[in-house]
Protein backbone atom coordinates (compact mmCIF):
# COMPACT_ATOMS: atom_id res chain seq x y z
CA MET A 1 60.49 -22.18 -17.27
CA HIS A 2 57.11 -21.56 -16.43
CA LYS A 3 57.67 -18.43 -15.10
CA HIS A 4 54.89 -15.91 -16.67
CA THR A 5 52.33 -18.99 -16.29
CA LEU A 6 52.98 -18.71 -12.35
CA GLU A 7 53.16 -14.67 -12.33
CA THR A 8 49.23 -15.39 -13.90
CA LEU A 9 48.28 -18.22 -11.61
CA GLN A 10 50.04 -16.13 -8.30
CA HIS A 11 47.77 -13.77 -6.51
CA SER A 12 48.11 -12.37 -2.60
CA HIS A 13 46.74 -14.59 0.12
CA ASP A 14 46.74 -11.66 2.70
CA PHE A 15 43.28 -10.64 3.82
CA THR A 16 44.58 -8.46 6.60
CA ALA A 17 43.04 -5.38 7.56
CA ILE A 18 44.93 -2.50 8.91
CA HIS A 19 43.54 -0.02 11.36
CA GLU A 20 46.22 2.50 12.08
CA HIS A 21 43.66 5.38 12.72
CA GLY A 22 41.56 3.12 15.43
CA GLU A 23 45.07 1.47 17.07
CA LYS A 24 45.95 5.00 17.66
CA ARG A 25 42.18 5.89 18.68
CA THR A 26 42.70 3.19 21.16
CA GLN A 27 46.09 4.50 22.58
CA GLN A 28 44.15 7.98 23.45
CA VAL A 29 41.14 6.07 25.19
CA LEU A 30 44.19 3.85 27.12
CA VAL A 31 45.73 7.01 28.48
CA LEU A 32 42.20 8.66 29.56
CA THR A 33 41.36 5.49 31.02
CA ALA A 34 44.51 4.69 32.89
CA ILE A 35 44.64 8.39 34.60
CA THR A 36 41.55 7.77 35.77
CA MET A 37 42.53 4.30 37.16
CA VAL A 38 45.00 5.67 39.16
CA VAL A 39 43.23 8.94 40.15
CA GLU A 40 40.18 7.12 41.56
CA ILE A 41 42.38 3.92 43.34
CA ALA A 42 44.53 6.82 44.74
CA ALA A 43 41.06 8.83 46.24
CA GLY A 44 39.22 5.86 47.13
CA THR A 45 42.69 4.96 49.47
CA ALA A 46 43.17 8.73 50.47
CA PHE A 47 39.35 9.03 51.25
CA GLY A 48 38.38 6.07 52.51
CA SER A 49 35.98 4.78 49.97
CA MET A 50 34.87 2.31 48.80
CA ALA A 51 32.83 3.50 45.64
CA LEU A 52 36.08 5.28 44.44
CA LEU A 53 38.06 2.31 45.15
CA ALA A 54 35.41 -0.49 43.33
CA ASP A 55 35.26 2.19 40.26
CA GLY A 56 39.05 2.28 40.14
CA TRP A 57 39.89 -1.42 39.93
CA HIS A 58 36.83 -1.36 37.18
CA MET A 59 38.47 0.76 35.49
CA GLY A 60 41.48 -1.19 35.62
CA THR A 61 39.69 -4.37 33.96
CA HIS A 62 39.11 -1.92 30.71
CA VAL A 63 42.43 -0.85 30.91
CA ALA A 64 43.28 -4.59 30.29
CA ALA A 65 41.31 -4.98 27.68
CA PHE A 66 42.04 -1.83 25.55
CA LEU A 67 46.07 -3.46 26.09
CA ILE A 68 44.54 -6.36 24.63
CA THR A 69 43.42 -4.84 21.60
CA ILE A 70 46.37 -2.37 20.99
CA PHE A 71 48.21 -5.26 21.39
CA ALA A 72 46.17 -7.34 18.49
CA TYR A 73 46.37 -4.32 16.02
CA ARG A 74 50.45 -4.18 16.44
CA TYR A 75 50.55 -7.95 16.25
CA THR A 76 48.45 -8.00 13.07
CA ARG A 77 50.69 -5.45 11.77
CA LYS A 78 53.86 -6.72 12.51
CA HIS A 79 53.01 -9.83 10.98
CA ALA A 80 51.01 -8.55 7.97
CA HIS A 81 53.10 -10.43 5.51
CA SER A 82 54.31 -13.82 7.47
CA PRO A 83 54.33 -16.87 5.30
CA GLU A 84 53.49 -18.30 8.82
CA PHE A 85 49.56 -17.12 7.99
CA THR A 86 47.95 -18.51 5.63
CA PHE A 87 45.81 -16.19 4.81
CA GLY A 88 47.28 -13.05 6.81
CA THR A 89 46.87 -11.61 9.81
CA GLY A 90 42.93 -10.68 9.27
CA LYS A 91 41.46 -13.10 11.81
CA VAL A 92 43.92 -11.55 14.90
CA SER A 93 41.71 -8.38 15.22
CA VAL A 94 38.77 -10.80 15.60
CA LEU A 95 40.79 -12.44 18.37
CA GLY A 96 41.18 -9.50 20.33
CA GLY A 97 37.41 -8.60 20.30
CA PHE A 98 36.35 -11.92 21.15
CA ALA A 99 39.04 -11.78 24.05
CA SER A 100 37.53 -8.48 25.09
CA ALA A 101 34.09 -9.90 25.13
CA VAL A 102 35.46 -12.43 27.14
CA ALA A 103 36.48 -10.21 29.64
CA LEU A 104 33.29 -7.50 29.34
CA GLY A 105 31.28 -10.74 30.37
CA VAL A 106 33.78 -11.25 33.31
CA VAL A 107 33.37 -7.20 34.18
CA ALA A 108 29.36 -8.13 34.31
CA LEU A 109 29.55 -11.29 36.49
CA VAL A 110 31.80 -9.09 39.10
CA MET A 111 29.38 -6.21 39.10
CA LEU A 112 26.89 -8.46 39.61
CA ALA A 113 27.72 -10.21 42.42
CA GLU A 114 28.70 -7.44 44.18
CA SER A 115 25.52 -6.13 43.25
CA VAL A 116 23.59 -8.94 44.72
CA HIS A 117 25.76 -8.91 47.67
CA ARG A 118 25.34 -5.61 48.43
CA MET A 119 21.72 -5.63 48.40
CA PHE A 120 21.85 -7.95 51.49
CA GLN A 121 24.83 -6.60 53.18
CA PRO A 122 24.66 -2.92 52.76
CA GLN A 123 27.59 -0.68 53.01
CA PRO A 124 27.91 3.01 54.06
CA ILE A 125 27.89 4.99 50.72
CA SER A 126 30.05 8.59 50.69
CA PHE A 127 27.46 10.15 48.60
CA ASN A 128 29.49 13.37 47.82
CA GLU A 129 32.73 11.78 46.68
CA ALA A 130 30.87 9.27 44.63
CA ILE A 131 28.15 11.58 42.94
CA GLY A 132 31.50 13.60 42.04
CA VAL A 133 33.60 10.15 40.91
CA ALA A 134 30.60 9.29 38.62
CA PHE A 135 30.65 12.48 36.95
CA LEU A 136 34.28 12.64 36.59
CA GLY A 137 33.87 8.96 34.99
CA LEU A 138 31.34 9.74 32.86
CA LEU A 139 32.76 12.89 31.16
CA ILE A 140 35.97 10.50 30.15
CA ASN A 141 33.81 7.58 28.63
CA ILE A 142 32.38 10.35 26.74
CA ILE A 143 35.25 12.21 25.44
CA SER A 144 36.33 7.90 24.66
CA ALA A 145 33.54 6.79 23.17
CA LEU A 146 33.48 10.16 20.91
CA LEU A 147 37.43 9.19 20.20
CA LEU A 148 36.17 5.68 19.29
CA GLN A 149 32.93 6.59 17.24
CA ASP A 150 34.31 8.17 14.37
CA ARG A 151 36.01 5.33 13.29
CA HIS A 152 33.29 2.76 14.45
CA ASP A 153 30.61 4.36 12.21
CA HIS A 154 32.21 6.08 9.71
CA GLY A 155 34.55 3.66 8.26
CA HIS A 156 36.17 4.68 4.51
CA ASP A 157 35.61 0.69 3.07
CA ASP A 158 34.11 -2.63 3.83
CA HIS A 159 37.00 -3.40 6.10
CA GLN A 160 36.12 -0.76 8.74
CA HIS A 161 33.05 -2.40 9.37
CA HIS A 162 34.56 -4.90 10.61
CA ASP A 163 36.75 -4.17 12.83
CA HIS A 164 35.72 -6.64 15.46
CA ASN A 165 38.63 -5.27 18.05
CA LEU A 166 37.77 -1.55 17.79
CA LYS A 167 33.85 -2.46 18.40
CA ALA A 168 35.07 -4.24 21.39
CA ALA A 169 37.02 -1.27 22.73
CA TYR A 170 34.30 0.71 22.00
CA MET A 171 31.36 -1.41 23.77
CA HIS A 172 34.13 -1.50 27.22
CA VAL A 173 33.65 2.48 27.38
CA LEU A 174 30.17 2.27 26.43
CA ALA A 175 29.69 0.00 29.91
CA ASP A 176 31.95 2.16 31.76
CA ALA A 177 29.37 5.02 30.22
CA LEU A 178 26.14 2.99 31.23
CA THR A 179 27.96 2.35 35.04
CA SER A 180 28.40 5.98 35.62
CA VAL A 181 24.86 6.88 34.42
CA LEU A 182 23.23 3.91 36.59
CA ALA A 183 25.60 5.28 39.58
CA ILE A 184 24.73 8.76 39.19
CA ILE A 185 21.06 8.11 39.07
CA ALA A 186 21.14 5.61 42.22
CA LEU A 187 24.00 7.36 44.39
CA ILE A 188 21.65 10.83 44.09
CA ALA A 189 18.22 9.06 44.43
CA GLY A 190 20.24 7.23 47.82
CA LYS A 191 21.44 10.81 48.65
CA PHE A 192 18.20 12.86 48.66
CA LEU A 193 15.06 10.23 48.68
CA GLY A 194 16.95 7.57 51.38
CA TRP A 195 17.01 5.09 48.46
CA HIS A 196 19.82 3.10 49.18
CA GLN A 197 18.99 0.01 47.51
CA LEU A 198 18.34 1.37 44.42
CA ASP A 199 22.16 1.20 44.29
CA PRO A 200 22.80 -2.50 43.84
CA VAL A 201 19.42 -2.44 41.87
CA MET A 202 20.91 -0.68 39.04
CA GLY A 203 24.50 -2.50 39.54
CA ILE A 204 22.33 -5.45 38.56
CA VAL A 205 20.56 -3.61 35.72
CA GLY A 206 23.97 -2.30 34.98
CA ALA A 207 25.15 -6.24 34.86
CA VAL A 208 22.81 -7.57 32.47
CA VAL A 209 22.73 -4.97 29.70
CA ILE A 210 26.63 -5.67 29.58
CA SER A 211 26.02 -9.30 29.46
CA ARG A 212 24.25 -9.01 26.50
CA TRP A 213 26.36 -6.95 24.78
CA SER A 214 29.30 -9.03 25.30
CA TYR A 215 26.91 -12.26 24.49
CA THR A 216 26.40 -10.03 21.37
CA LEU A 217 30.19 -9.64 20.24
CA ILE A 218 31.09 -12.99 21.04
CA GLN A 219 27.85 -14.06 18.79
CA GLU A 220 29.95 -11.82 16.23
CA THR A 221 33.46 -13.26 16.17
CA SER A 222 33.43 -16.79 17.09
CA PRO A 223 32.34 -17.98 13.55
CA ILE A 224 34.61 -16.28 12.22
CA LEU A 225 37.53 -17.62 14.67
CA LEU A 226 35.40 -21.18 13.99
CA ASP A 227 35.60 -20.77 9.95
CA GLY A 228 31.77 -20.20 9.94
CA SER A 229 30.30 -20.48 6.47
CA ILE A 230 28.73 -18.18 4.58
CA ALA A 231 24.91 -17.56 4.86
CA GLU A 232 22.87 -20.65 3.09
CA ASP A 233 21.25 -18.36 0.45
CA TYR A 234 24.55 -16.80 -0.43
CA GLN A 235 25.99 -20.26 -1.06
CA ALA A 236 22.49 -21.20 -3.01
CA ALA A 237 22.99 -18.06 -5.12
CA ILE A 238 26.29 -19.38 -5.79
CA ARG A 239 25.50 -23.41 -7.19
CA GLU A 240 22.69 -21.81 -8.87
CA ARG A 241 25.34 -19.51 -10.95
CA ILE A 242 27.40 -22.30 -11.59
CA GLU A 243 24.98 -24.90 -12.40
CA SER A 244 23.31 -22.41 -14.80
CA ALA A 245 25.33 -23.06 -17.66
CA ASP A 246 26.33 -25.54 -19.65
CA ASP A 247 25.32 -29.02 -17.38
CA ASN A 248 27.75 -28.23 -14.51
CA ARG A 249 26.64 -29.45 -11.51
CA ILE A 250 28.72 -28.63 -7.79
CA ALA A 251 29.50 -31.85 -6.22
CA ASP A 252 31.23 -30.33 -3.10
CA ILE A 253 31.34 -26.62 -2.02
CA HIS A 254 33.27 -24.73 0.92
CA VAL A 255 33.18 -21.47 1.79
CA TRP A 256 34.77 -20.30 4.75
CA ARG A 257 35.50 -17.18 6.12
CA VAL A 258 39.67 -16.13 5.95
CA GLY A 259 38.83 -12.42 7.83
CA PRO A 260 36.55 -9.55 8.97
CA ALA A 261 35.36 -9.21 5.37
CA ASP A 262 36.88 -12.20 3.28
CA TYR A 263 35.77 -15.52 2.27
CA ALA A 264 37.63 -18.12 0.66
CA ALA A 265 35.74 -20.79 -1.38
CA ILE A 266 36.51 -24.32 -2.93
CA ILE A 267 34.49 -25.10 -5.52
CA VAL A 268 34.29 -29.01 -6.93
CA LEU A 269 32.36 -29.36 -9.88
CA VAL A 270 31.25 -32.36 -12.77
CA THR A 271 30.57 -31.65 -16.07
CA HIS A 272 30.74 -32.75 -19.74
CA THR A 273 32.02 -29.88 -21.35
CA PRO A 274 35.46 -28.93 -18.64
CA ARG A 275 36.72 -25.05 -19.56
CA ASN A 276 39.57 -23.26 -18.17
CA PRO A 277 39.30 -22.50 -14.14
CA ASP A 278 39.23 -18.78 -14.81
CA HIS A 279 36.26 -18.81 -16.94
CA TYR A 280 34.11 -20.43 -13.32
CA LYS A 281 35.33 -17.59 -11.32
CA LYS A 282 35.01 -15.10 -13.84
CA MET A 283 31.11 -16.86 -13.16
CA LEU A 284 30.98 -15.60 -9.65
CA ALA A 285 32.93 -12.13 -10.45
CA ASP A 286 29.92 -10.32 -9.13
CA PHE A 287 30.17 -12.31 -5.55
CA SER A 288 32.23 -9.75 -4.03
CA GLN A 289 32.57 -11.35 -0.79
CA LEU A 290 34.08 -14.23 -2.04
CA SER A 291 38.56 -13.37 -2.42
CA HIS A 292 39.78 -16.42 -3.13
CA ILE A 293 38.37 -19.27 -5.18
CA THR A 294 39.69 -22.62 -6.15
CA VAL A 295 37.73 -24.56 -8.60
CA GLU A 296 38.31 -28.58 -9.01
CA ILE A 297 37.08 -29.36 -12.58
CA ASN A 298 36.35 -33.05 -13.05
CA GLN A 299 34.82 -34.52 -16.86
CA CYS A 300 32.18 -36.76 -16.61
CA SER A 301 32.44 -38.98 -19.35
CA GLY A 302 29.16 -40.78 -18.94
CA GLU A 303 25.30 -40.34 -17.38
CA SER A 304 25.80 -41.94 -14.58
CA CYS A 305 28.28 -39.99 -13.23
CA MET A 306 26.14 -36.70 -13.19
CA VAL A 307 24.42 -35.41 -9.78
CA PRO A 308 20.68 -35.04 -11.12
CA ARG A 309 18.63 -31.15 -10.74
């Protein structure tokens, strides 16, 4: 009966961003990291090197984070068009990024605790083996960073700049690289200058920097997961645009994220001269961040019902 009318009013509610390239790169980094982890743990066990074992298990925490990243990618793709998700699975990658950021924070806390412990209870260090492993770890980190950086910095559309899942993986690689660089500095200074205390000090410095990265990523992802609103000036601009015509007044407005780079808006307005909802949507056509707009129009029958300017 109303098929034609219904078709013109229906549109997609899927704001999922599929990052196949990012998933492929993360898988490659996962393999590199896992191999390095196994080699370091095996070598540490064979040579009795605590430094090798510690670095190997540290790599293991990042393997877990990369598995979270890959799971988020696959879950997003598998359920991209599932009716169970009102606005698609766009937030799954954000959730993966948040979970990885928490894991990154845990790594930093473990590093901090271990470093403080070693300041008060120094342990013998096998410098030659530890320096060799640190350089090996740094090489793997550089390769991994190059694999992830291509997508992280040079996306081909707006969604690529909001792949928090990949950004989390990238930060884990940077954390590993920072750990390797600081370890190399501390180990070389310890071997040739006898500055053994520099090793735990560098560990504390690394923990602080990694904590900062973790906090930044949590700040970016948590507002999206909690349906955070858009910037106040952007919302004010929406209000100003609608109220600039006729005698429109906005009684209520809600703007929230439904994906990494998409916002939905519900606007309730009052006017003496109501128009078709499409009229108000066209007024906001250049507000590119609004991907889904719902307009409720209430006709005012007297001056008393108007909201003053």
